[in-house]
């Protein structure tokens, strides 16, 4: 029964997130489904790694080699070196924050010096890369998918992260 309710919520969020942009940024279909991707609790250990995609090059990944994204509005948040998350509520159903109970380790081309943590309003710790909070995309259901790269939805613009801490170019996915 919970899965049916979660699907209904995801469908409502999807309806509110589609559409075109007036800024010229590409809008890719946000076919988000409830796949259990929203983190209920922070993992005790997390490895931030990298995955090479044909369209977008090498991107930073989290659990199960799932692509990690940054949210454009987070870049404007105030605070110290680590930016604060601005994705809450319905936003987290589509873009679950990457949570960890301690600073993740790294593998591949990911840089340990760019990893950090920021505290969310609920007190959980969200992983940052180059000072920006990281998120998964619910529609990326398998390793290496990057369907959220340069996706502009009802919440804002989402971009994959390169190992050097820069945002990924807009690929052909």
N, C-alpha and C. Protein backbone atom coordinates (compact mmCIF):
# COMPACT_ATOMS: atom_id res chain seq x y z
N UNK A 1 0.81 -1.18 0.00
CA UNK A 1 0.00 0.00 0.00
C UNK A 1 0.86 1.26 0.00
N UNK A 2 1.99 1.22 0.75
CA UNK A 2 2.88 2.38 0.79
C UNK A 2 3.45 2.68 -0.59
N UNK A 3 3.76 1.62 -1.35
CA UNK A 3 4.32 1.82 -2.69
C UNK A 3 3.34 2.54 -3.59
N UNK A 4 2.04 2.21 -3.46
CA UNK A 4 1.03 2.87 -4.28
C UNK A 4 0.96 4.36 -3.92
N UNK A 5 0.99 4.65 -2.61
CA UNK A 5 0.98 6.06 -2.18
C UNK A 5 2.21 6.80 -2.65
N UNK A 6 3.37 6.14 -2.58
CA UNK A 6 4.61 6.78 -3.04
C UNK A 6 4.56 7.05 -4.53
N UNK A 7 3.98 6.11 -5.31
CA UNK A 7 3.86 6.32 -6.75
C UNK A 7 2.94 7.50 -7.03
N UNK A 8 1.86 7.63 -6.27
CA UNK A 8 0.94 8.75 -6.46
C UNK A 8 1.63 10.07 -6.18
N UNK A 9 2.43 10.11 -5.11
CA UNK A 9 3.17 11.34 -4.78
C UNK A 9 4.17 11.65 -5.88
N UNK A 10 4.91 10.63 -6.34
CA UNK A 10 5.88 10.84 -7.40
C UNK A 10 5.20 11.36 -8.66
N UNK A 11 4.01 10.82 -8.96
CA UNK A 11 3.28 11.28 -10.15
C UNK A 11 2.88 12.73 -10.00
N UNK A 12 2.44 13.13 -8.82
CA UNK A 12 2.08 14.54 -8.60
C UNK A 12 3.29 15.45 -8.74
N UNK A 13 4.42 15.01 -8.18
CA UNK A 13 5.64 15.80 -8.29
C UNK A 13 6.05 15.90 -9.75
N UNK A 14 5.96 14.78 -10.50
CA UNK A 14 6.33 14.78 -11.91
C UNK A 14 5.48 15.78 -12.69
N UNK A 15 4.17 15.79 -12.44
CA UNK A 15 3.28 16.70 -13.15
C UNK A 15 3.69 18.14 -12.90
N UNK A 16 4.10 18.44 -11.68
CA UNK A 16 4.50 19.80 -11.35
C UNK A 16 5.89 20.15 -11.83
N UNK A 17 6.66 19.18 -12.30
CA UNK A 17 8.05 19.44 -12.66
C UNK A 17 8.30 19.51 -14.14
N UNK A 18 7.38 19.07 -14.96
CA UNK A 18 7.63 19.03 -16.39
C UNK A 18 7.54 20.39 -17.02
N UNK A 19 7.72 20.40 -18.32
CA UNK A 19 7.54 21.66 -19.04
C UNK A 19 8.80 22.12 -19.71
N UNK A 20 8.67 23.27 -20.32
CA UNK A 20 9.81 23.81 -21.03
C UNK A 20 10.37 24.98 -20.26
N UNK A 21 11.51 25.43 -20.69
CA UNK A 21 12.15 26.55 -20.03
C UNK A 21 12.19 27.72 -20.98
N UNK A 22 12.22 28.89 -20.38
CA UNK A 22 12.32 30.08 -21.22
C UNK A 22 13.76 30.54 -21.31
N UNK A 23 14.65 29.90 -20.55
CA UNK A 23 16.04 30.33 -20.53
C UNK A 23 16.87 29.65 -21.61
N UNK A 24 16.28 28.71 -22.33
CA UNK A 24 17.02 28.01 -23.36
C UNK A 24 17.71 26.76 -22.84
N UNK A 25 17.68 26.51 -21.52
CA UNK A 25 18.28 25.29 -20.98
C UNK A 25 17.44 24.11 -21.43
N UNK A 26 18.11 23.00 -21.67
CA UNK A 26 17.37 21.83 -22.14
C UNK A 26 16.51 21.27 -21.03
N UNK A 27 15.37 20.76 -21.38
CA UNK A 27 14.48 20.10 -20.44
C UNK A 27 14.33 18.66 -20.89
N UNK A 28 14.79 17.74 -20.07
CA UNK A 28 14.68 16.33 -20.38
C UNK A 28 13.49 15.78 -19.61
N UNK A 29 12.85 14.73 -20.08
CA UNK A 29 11.69 14.20 -19.38
C UNK A 29 12.07 13.74 -17.98
N UNK A 30 11.28 14.13 -17.00
CA UNK A 30 11.52 13.77 -15.61
C UNK A 30 10.59 12.64 -15.23
N UNK A 31 10.84 11.47 -15.76
CA UNK A 31 9.98 10.32 -15.51
C UNK A 31 10.36 9.66 -14.19
N UNK A 32 10.25 10.41 -13.11
CA UNK A 32 10.62 9.91 -11.80
C UNK A 32 9.56 8.93 -11.30
N UNK A 33 10.04 7.85 -10.74
CA UNK A 33 9.14 6.88 -10.13
C UNK A 33 9.66 6.59 -8.73
N UNK A 34 8.79 6.08 -7.91
CA UNK A 34 9.20 5.72 -6.56
C UNK A 34 9.93 4.38 -6.63
N UNK A 35 11.23 4.43 -6.51
CA UNK A 35 12.03 3.21 -6.62
C UNK A 35 12.80 2.93 -5.35
N UNK A 36 12.39 3.57 -4.27
CA UNK A 36 13.10 3.37 -3.02
C UNK A 36 14.40 4.14 -2.98
N UNK A 37 14.53 5.19 -3.78
CA UNK A 37 15.80 5.92 -3.84
C UNK A 37 15.91 6.99 -2.78
N UNK A 38 14.82 7.38 -2.15
CA UNK A 38 14.90 8.39 -1.12
C UNK A 38 15.55 7.77 0.11
N UNK A 39 16.63 8.38 0.55
CA UNK A 39 17.36 7.84 1.68
C UNK A 39 16.60 8.09 2.97
N UNK A 40 16.24 7.04 3.67
CA UNK A 40 15.53 7.17 4.93
C UNK A 40 16.52 7.43 6.06
N UNK A 41 17.69 6.86 5.96
CA UNK A 41 18.71 7.05 6.98
C UNK A 41 20.07 7.13 6.29
N UNK A 42 20.98 7.84 6.92
CA UNK A 42 22.31 7.98 6.35
C UNK A 42 23.06 6.66 6.47
N UNK A 43 23.74 6.24 5.39
CA UNK A 43 24.52 5.02 5.48
C UNK A 43 25.70 5.22 6.43
N UNK A 44 26.13 4.14 7.06
CA UNK A 44 27.26 4.27 7.97
C UNK A 44 28.56 4.50 7.22
N UNK A 45 28.65 4.01 5.99
CA UNK A 45 29.82 4.30 5.18
C UNK A 45 29.37 4.48 3.73
N UNK A 46 29.95 5.42 3.07
CA UNK A 46 29.61 5.73 1.69
C UNK A 46 30.89 5.98 0.93
N UNK A 47 30.96 5.48 -0.28
CA UNK A 47 32.12 5.72 -1.14
C UNK A 47 31.67 6.60 -2.29
N UNK A 48 32.35 7.72 -2.47
CA UNK A 48 32.11 8.59 -3.61
C UNK A 48 33.14 8.20 -4.66
N UNK A 49 32.64 7.81 -5.81
CA UNK A 49 33.52 7.35 -6.88
C UNK A 49 33.26 8.07 -8.18
N UNK A 50 33.61 7.45 -9.27
CA UNK A 50 33.39 8.03 -10.60
C UNK A 50 32.92 6.94 -11.55
N UNK A 51 32.27 7.38 -12.61
CA UNK A 51 31.75 6.47 -13.63
C UNK A 51 31.85 7.20 -14.96
N UNK A 52 32.36 6.54 -15.97
CA UNK A 52 32.50 7.17 -17.29
C UNK A 52 31.26 6.86 -18.12
N UNK A 53 30.58 7.92 -18.54
CA UNK A 53 29.41 7.76 -19.40
C UNK A 53 29.78 8.15 -20.82
N UNK A 54 29.16 7.54 -21.83
CA UNK A 54 29.48 7.90 -23.22
C UNK A 54 29.12 9.34 -23.55
N UNK A 55 28.03 9.84 -22.95
CA UNK A 55 27.54 11.18 -23.31
C UNK A 55 28.20 12.30 -22.52
N UNK A 56 28.46 12.05 -21.22
CA UNK A 56 28.86 13.14 -20.33
C UNK A 56 30.29 13.03 -19.80
N UNK A 57 31.01 11.99 -20.15
CA UNK A 57 32.36 11.82 -19.64
C UNK A 57 32.33 11.20 -18.24
N UNK A 58 33.38 11.44 -17.49
CA UNK A 58 33.49 10.87 -16.15
C UNK A 58 32.76 11.75 -15.15
N UNK A 59 31.77 11.16 -14.46
CA UNK A 59 30.96 11.88 -13.48
C UNK A 59 31.16 11.30 -12.09
N UNK A 60 30.93 12.12 -11.09
CA UNK A 60 31.01 11.68 -9.70
C UNK A 60 29.78 10.84 -9.39
N UNK A 61 29.99 9.75 -8.65
CA UNK A 61 28.90 8.83 -8.32
C UNK A 61 28.87 8.53 -6.82
N UNK A 62 27.73 8.03 -6.39
CA UNK A 62 27.56 7.62 -5.00
C UNK A 62 27.26 6.14 -4.94
N UNK A 63 26.33 5.77 -4.06
CA UNK A 63 25.97 4.37 -3.86
C UNK A 63 25.59 3.71 -5.18
N UNK A 64 26.06 2.49 -5.38
CA UNK A 64 25.75 1.71 -6.58
C UNK A 64 26.11 2.41 -7.88
N UNK A 65 27.14 3.24 -7.87
CA UNK A 65 27.59 3.99 -9.05
C UNK A 65 26.50 4.87 -9.64
N UNK A 66 25.62 5.39 -8.80
CA UNK A 66 24.58 6.30 -9.28
C UNK A 66 25.13 7.71 -9.37
N UNK A 67 24.86 8.37 -10.48
CA UNK A 67 25.35 9.72 -10.74
C UNK A 67 24.86 10.68 -9.66
N UNK A 68 25.74 11.61 -9.28
CA UNK A 68 25.41 12.64 -8.29
C UNK A 68 25.28 13.98 -8.99
N UNK A 69 24.34 14.78 -8.49
CA UNK A 69 24.01 16.06 -9.11
C UNK A 69 24.10 17.20 -8.10
N UNK A 70 24.30 18.40 -8.63
CA UNK A 70 24.21 19.62 -7.83
C UNK A 70 23.00 20.41 -8.33
N UNK A 71 22.46 21.24 -7.46
CA UNK A 71 21.24 22.00 -7.70
C UNK A 71 21.62 23.47 -7.81
N UNK A 72 21.31 24.10 -8.93
CA UNK A 72 21.71 25.49 -9.17
C UNK A 72 21.33 26.44 -8.02
N UNK A 73 20.12 26.38 -7.45
CA UNK A 73 19.80 27.31 -6.35
C UNK A 73 20.70 27.14 -5.12
N UNK A 74 21.28 25.97 -4.90
CA UNK A 74 22.18 25.78 -3.76
C UNK A 74 23.42 26.65 -3.88
N UNK A 75 23.82 26.98 -5.09
CA UNK A 75 25.02 27.78 -5.30
C UNK A 75 24.86 29.20 -4.76
N UNK A 76 23.62 29.64 -4.61
CA UNK A 76 23.35 30.99 -4.14
C UNK A 76 23.10 31.04 -2.64
N UNK A 77 23.10 29.89 -1.97
CA UNK A 77 22.82 29.87 -0.54
C UNK A 77 23.96 30.53 0.23
N UNK A 78 23.62 31.01 1.40
CA UNK A 78 24.62 31.67 2.23
C UNK A 78 25.26 30.66 3.16
N UNK A 79 26.24 31.09 3.88
CA UNK A 79 26.92 30.20 4.81
C UNK A 79 28.40 30.22 4.52
N UNK A 80 29.10 29.34 5.19
CA UNK A 80 30.55 29.26 5.02
C UNK A 80 30.92 28.60 3.71
N UNK A 81 32.00 27.85 3.73
CA UNK A 81 32.50 27.18 2.53
C UNK A 81 31.48 26.18 1.98
N UNK A 82 30.84 25.42 2.88
CA UNK A 82 29.84 24.44 2.45
C UNK A 82 28.50 25.15 2.27
N UNK A 83 27.90 25.02 1.11
CA UNK A 83 26.61 25.63 0.82
C UNK A 83 25.50 24.83 1.50
N UNK A 84 24.38 25.48 1.74
CA UNK A 84 23.23 24.83 2.37
C UNK A 84 22.27 24.34 1.29
N UNK A 85 21.62 23.22 1.57
CA UNK A 85 20.63 22.67 0.65
C UNK A 85 19.39 23.55 0.61
N UNK A 86 18.83 23.69 -0.58
CA UNK A 86 17.55 24.40 -0.73
C UNK A 86 16.48 23.45 -1.27
N UNK A 87 16.78 22.15 -1.35
CA UNK A 87 15.84 21.13 -1.83
C UNK A 87 15.23 20.41 -0.64
N UNK A 88 13.94 20.67 -0.40
CA UNK A 88 13.21 20.05 0.70
C UNK A 88 11.82 19.66 0.22
N UNK A 89 11.10 18.89 1.01
CA UNK A 89 9.72 18.52 0.69
C UNK A 89 9.63 17.70 -0.58
N UNK A 90 8.72 18.11 -1.47
CA UNK A 90 8.46 17.38 -2.71
C UNK A 90 9.73 17.25 -3.56
N UNK A 91 10.62 18.20 -3.46
CA UNK A 91 11.87 18.17 -4.22
C UNK A 91 12.67 16.91 -3.90
N UNK A 92 12.69 16.50 -2.63
CA UNK A 92 13.50 15.35 -2.24
C UNK A 92 12.92 14.01 -2.70
N UNK A 93 11.64 14.00 -3.13
CA UNK A 93 11.07 12.78 -3.69
C UNK A 93 11.66 12.49 -5.06
N UNK A 94 12.00 13.54 -5.79
CA UNK A 94 12.58 13.41 -7.12
C UNK A 94 14.11 13.46 -7.05
N UNK A 95 14.64 14.26 -6.13
CA UNK A 95 16.07 14.49 -5.99
C UNK A 95 16.50 14.18 -4.55
N UNK A 96 16.61 12.90 -4.18
CA UNK A 96 17.00 12.56 -2.81
C UNK A 96 18.40 13.07 -2.48
N UNK A 97 18.57 13.72 -1.33
CA UNK A 97 19.90 14.18 -0.94
C UNK A 97 20.81 12.99 -0.63
N UNK A 98 22.09 13.17 -0.87
CA UNK A 98 23.08 12.14 -0.54
C UNK A 98 23.45 12.35 0.92
N UNK A 99 23.02 11.42 1.76
CA UNK A 99 23.25 11.53 3.20
C UNK A 99 24.35 10.58 3.64
N UNK A 100 25.07 10.98 4.68
CA UNK A 100 26.11 10.12 5.25
C UNK A 100 26.26 10.49 6.72
N UNK A 101 26.60 9.52 7.53
CA UNK A 101 26.81 9.79 8.95
C UNK A 101 28.22 10.30 9.22
N UNK A 102 29.13 10.08 8.28
CA UNK A 102 30.50 10.59 8.39
C UNK A 102 31.03 10.89 6.99
N UNK A 103 32.14 11.58 6.92
CA UNK A 103 32.72 11.96 5.64
C UNK A 103 33.00 10.70 4.81
N UNK A 104 32.46 10.65 3.58
CA UNK A 104 32.67 9.47 2.72
C UNK A 104 34.13 9.30 2.32
N UNK A 105 34.46 8.08 1.94
CA UNK A 105 35.76 7.80 1.34
C UNK A 105 35.61 7.96 -0.17
N UNK A 106 36.72 7.92 -0.89
CA UNK A 106 36.66 8.11 -2.34
C UNK A 106 37.31 6.93 -3.07
N UNK A 107 36.92 6.80 -4.33
CA UNK A 107 37.54 5.82 -5.22
C UNK A 107 37.57 6.44 -6.61
N UNK A 108 38.24 5.75 -7.52
CA UNK A 108 38.32 6.26 -8.90
C UNK A 108 38.99 7.62 -8.94
N UNK A 109 38.46 8.51 -9.76
CA UNK A 109 39.05 9.83 -9.94
C UNK A 109 38.46 10.88 -9.00
N UNK A 110 37.58 10.47 -8.08
CA UNK A 110 37.01 11.41 -7.11
C UNK A 110 38.11 11.95 -6.20
N UNK A 111 37.98 13.18 -5.76
CA UNK A 111 39.00 13.83 -4.95
C UNK A 111 38.56 13.95 -3.49
N UNK A 112 39.32 13.34 -2.60
CA UNK A 112 39.01 13.40 -1.17
C UNK A 112 39.02 14.83 -0.66
N UNK A 113 39.84 15.69 -1.24
CA UNK A 113 39.92 17.07 -0.77
C UNK A 113 38.67 17.88 -1.12
N UNK A 114 37.83 17.37 -2.02
CA UNK A 114 36.61 18.09 -2.41
C UNK A 114 35.37 17.58 -1.68
N UNK A 115 35.51 16.53 -0.87
CA UNK A 115 34.39 15.94 -0.14
C UNK A 115 34.17 16.68 1.18
N UNK A 116 32.92 16.90 1.52
CA UNK A 116 32.58 17.51 2.80
C UNK A 116 31.17 17.14 3.21
N UNK A 117 30.72 17.71 4.30
CA UNK A 117 29.36 17.50 4.80
C UNK A 117 28.75 18.85 5.17
N UNK A 118 27.46 18.98 4.96
CA UNK A 118 26.72 20.14 5.40
C UNK A 118 25.52 19.63 6.18
N UNK A 119 25.03 20.42 7.11
CA UNK A 119 23.90 19.99 7.92
C UNK A 119 22.60 20.52 7.33
N UNK A 120 21.64 19.59 7.12
CA UNK A 120 20.32 19.95 6.62
C UNK A 120 19.46 20.45 7.78
N UNK A 121 18.34 21.08 7.47
CA UNK A 121 17.45 21.62 8.50
C UNK A 121 17.00 20.58 9.51
N UNK A 122 16.89 19.31 9.07
CA UNK A 122 16.44 18.26 9.99
C UNK A 122 17.59 17.66 10.80
N UNK A 123 18.79 18.20 10.63
CA UNK A 123 19.95 17.75 11.39
C UNK A 123 20.75 16.66 10.71
N UNK A 124 20.25 16.08 9.61
CA UNK A 124 21.02 15.06 8.91
C UNK A 124 22.19 15.70 8.18
N UNK A 125 23.18 14.90 7.88
CA UNK A 125 24.38 15.38 7.18
C UNK A 125 24.27 15.02 5.71
N UNK A 126 24.44 16.04 4.85
CA UNK A 126 24.40 15.84 3.41
C UNK A 126 25.80 15.99 2.87
N UNK A 127 26.18 15.09 1.98
CA UNK A 127 27.50 15.09 1.37
C UNK A 127 27.61 16.26 0.39
N UNK A 128 28.75 16.92 0.41
CA UNK A 128 29.05 17.99 -0.55
C UNK A 128 30.27 17.62 -1.37
N UNK A 129 30.36 18.19 -2.55
CA UNK A 129 31.53 18.03 -3.40
C UNK A 129 31.88 19.42 -3.89
N UNK A 130 33.08 19.84 -3.62
CA UNK A 130 33.52 21.20 -3.95
C UNK A 130 32.58 22.23 -3.32
N UNK A 131 32.08 21.91 -2.12
CA UNK A 131 31.25 22.84 -1.36
C UNK A 131 29.77 22.82 -1.70
N UNK A 132 29.35 22.03 -2.68
CA UNK A 132 27.94 22.01 -3.08
C UNK A 132 27.25 20.71 -2.66
N UNK A 133 26.04 20.82 -2.08
CA UNK A 133 25.30 19.61 -1.69
C UNK A 133 25.02 18.72 -2.89
N UNK A 134 25.06 17.40 -2.65
CA UNK A 134 24.86 16.42 -3.72
C UNK A 134 23.51 15.71 -3.58
N UNK A 135 22.98 15.30 -4.75
CA UNK A 135 21.68 14.64 -4.82
C UNK A 135 21.74 13.49 -5.83
N UNK A 136 20.88 12.50 -5.63
CA UNK A 136 20.62 11.48 -6.63
C UNK A 136 19.40 11.95 -7.43
N UNK A 137 19.15 11.34 -8.59
CA UNK A 137 17.95 11.60 -9.37
C UNK A 137 17.14 10.31 -9.39
N UNK A 138 15.89 10.36 -8.96
CA UNK A 138 15.06 9.16 -8.83
C UNK A 138 14.88 8.42 -10.15
N UNK A 139 14.93 9.11 -11.28
CA UNK A 139 14.74 8.46 -12.58
C UNK A 139 16.00 7.72 -13.05
N UNK A 140 17.15 7.98 -12.43
CA UNK A 140 18.36 7.20 -12.73
C UNK A 140 18.25 5.91 -11.93
N UNK A 141 17.91 4.84 -12.60
CA UNK A 141 17.64 3.59 -11.89
C UNK A 141 18.77 2.57 -11.96
N UNK A 142 19.83 2.88 -12.72
CA UNK A 142 20.94 1.94 -12.79
C UNK A 142 22.26 2.69 -12.84
N UNK A 143 23.32 1.97 -12.59
CA UNK A 143 24.66 2.55 -12.56
C UNK A 143 24.97 3.30 -13.85
N UNK A 144 25.56 4.45 -13.71
CA UNK A 144 26.03 5.21 -14.86
C UNK A 144 25.01 6.03 -15.60
N UNK A 145 23.73 5.91 -15.27
CA UNK A 145 22.75 6.76 -15.93
C UNK A 145 22.97 8.20 -15.48
N UNK A 146 22.78 9.13 -16.38
CA UNK A 146 22.93 10.54 -16.06
C UNK A 146 21.80 11.32 -16.73
N UNK A 147 20.59 10.82 -16.60
CA UNK A 147 19.45 11.46 -17.28
C UNK A 147 19.07 12.80 -16.65
N UNK A 148 19.61 13.10 -15.48
CA UNK A 148 19.33 14.39 -14.85
C UNK A 148 20.34 15.47 -15.18
N UNK A 149 21.37 15.15 -15.97
CA UNK A 149 22.40 16.16 -16.28
C UNK A 149 21.80 17.28 -17.13
N UNK A 150 21.88 18.48 -16.63
CA UNK A 150 21.35 19.68 -17.27
C UNK A 150 19.84 19.62 -17.44
N UNK A 151 19.18 18.97 -16.49
CA UNK A 151 17.73 18.91 -16.50
C UNK A 151 17.18 20.11 -15.74
N UNK A 152 16.29 20.82 -16.36
CA UNK A 152 15.62 21.93 -15.69
C UNK A 152 14.17 21.51 -15.50
N UNK A 153 13.76 21.42 -14.24
CA UNK A 153 12.40 21.02 -13.93
C UNK A 153 11.73 22.10 -13.08
N UNK A 154 10.61 21.79 -12.48
CA UNK A 154 9.87 22.76 -11.68
C UNK A 154 10.62 23.24 -10.45
N UNK A 155 11.69 22.56 -10.07
CA UNK A 155 12.48 22.97 -8.92
C UNK A 155 13.65 23.86 -9.32
N UNK A 156 14.22 23.62 -10.49
CA UNK A 156 15.37 24.39 -10.94
C UNK A 156 16.26 23.55 -11.85
N UNK A 157 17.50 23.98 -12.02
CA UNK A 157 18.47 23.32 -12.89
C UNK A 157 19.34 22.36 -12.09
N UNK A 158 19.53 21.16 -12.62
CA UNK A 158 20.33 20.10 -12.01
C UNK A 158 21.47 19.74 -12.95
N UNK A 159 22.68 19.58 -12.41
CA UNK A 159 23.85 19.31 -13.24
C UNK A 159 24.72 18.25 -12.57
N UNK A 160 25.25 17.32 -13.38
CA UNK A 160 26.20 16.33 -12.89
C UNK A 160 27.50 17.01 -12.49
N UNK A 161 28.27 16.33 -11.65
CA UNK A 161 29.53 16.88 -11.14
C UNK A 161 30.71 16.10 -11.71
N UNK A 162 31.71 16.81 -12.20
CA UNK A 162 32.95 16.21 -12.69
C UNK A 162 33.90 15.96 -11.52
N UNK A 163 34.82 15.02 -11.64
CA UNK A 163 35.76 14.74 -10.55
C UNK A 163 36.60 15.95 -10.11
N UNK A 164 36.82 16.91 -11.02
CA UNK A 164 37.62 18.08 -10.67
C UNK A 164 36.82 19.14 -9.91
N UNK A 165 35.54 18.86 -9.63
CA UNK A 165 34.71 19.79 -8.87
C UNK A 165 33.93 20.77 -9.72
N UNK A 166 34.08 20.67 -11.04
CA UNK A 166 33.33 21.54 -11.94
C UNK A 166 32.05 20.83 -12.38
N UNK A 167 31.13 21.61 -12.89
CA UNK A 167 29.89 21.02 -13.36
C UNK A 167 30.07 20.43 -14.76
N UNK A 168 29.37 19.31 -14.98
CA UNK A 168 29.48 18.60 -16.24
C UNK A 168 28.87 19.40 -17.38
N UNK A 169 29.43 19.25 -18.58
CA UNK A 169 28.81 19.89 -19.74
C UNK A 169 27.50 19.21 -20.08
N UNK A 170 26.69 19.86 -20.85
CA UNK A 170 25.42 19.27 -21.27
C UNK A 170 25.70 18.20 -22.31
N UNK A 171 25.47 16.94 -21.95
CA UNK A 171 25.74 15.82 -22.85
C UNK A 171 24.59 15.59 -23.81
N UNK A 172 24.67 14.54 -24.54
CA UNK A 172 23.68 14.22 -25.56
C UNK A 172 22.70 13.14 -25.08
N UNK A 173 22.53 13.01 -23.74
CA UNK A 173 21.64 11.95 -23.26
C UNK A 173 20.26 12.39 -23.35
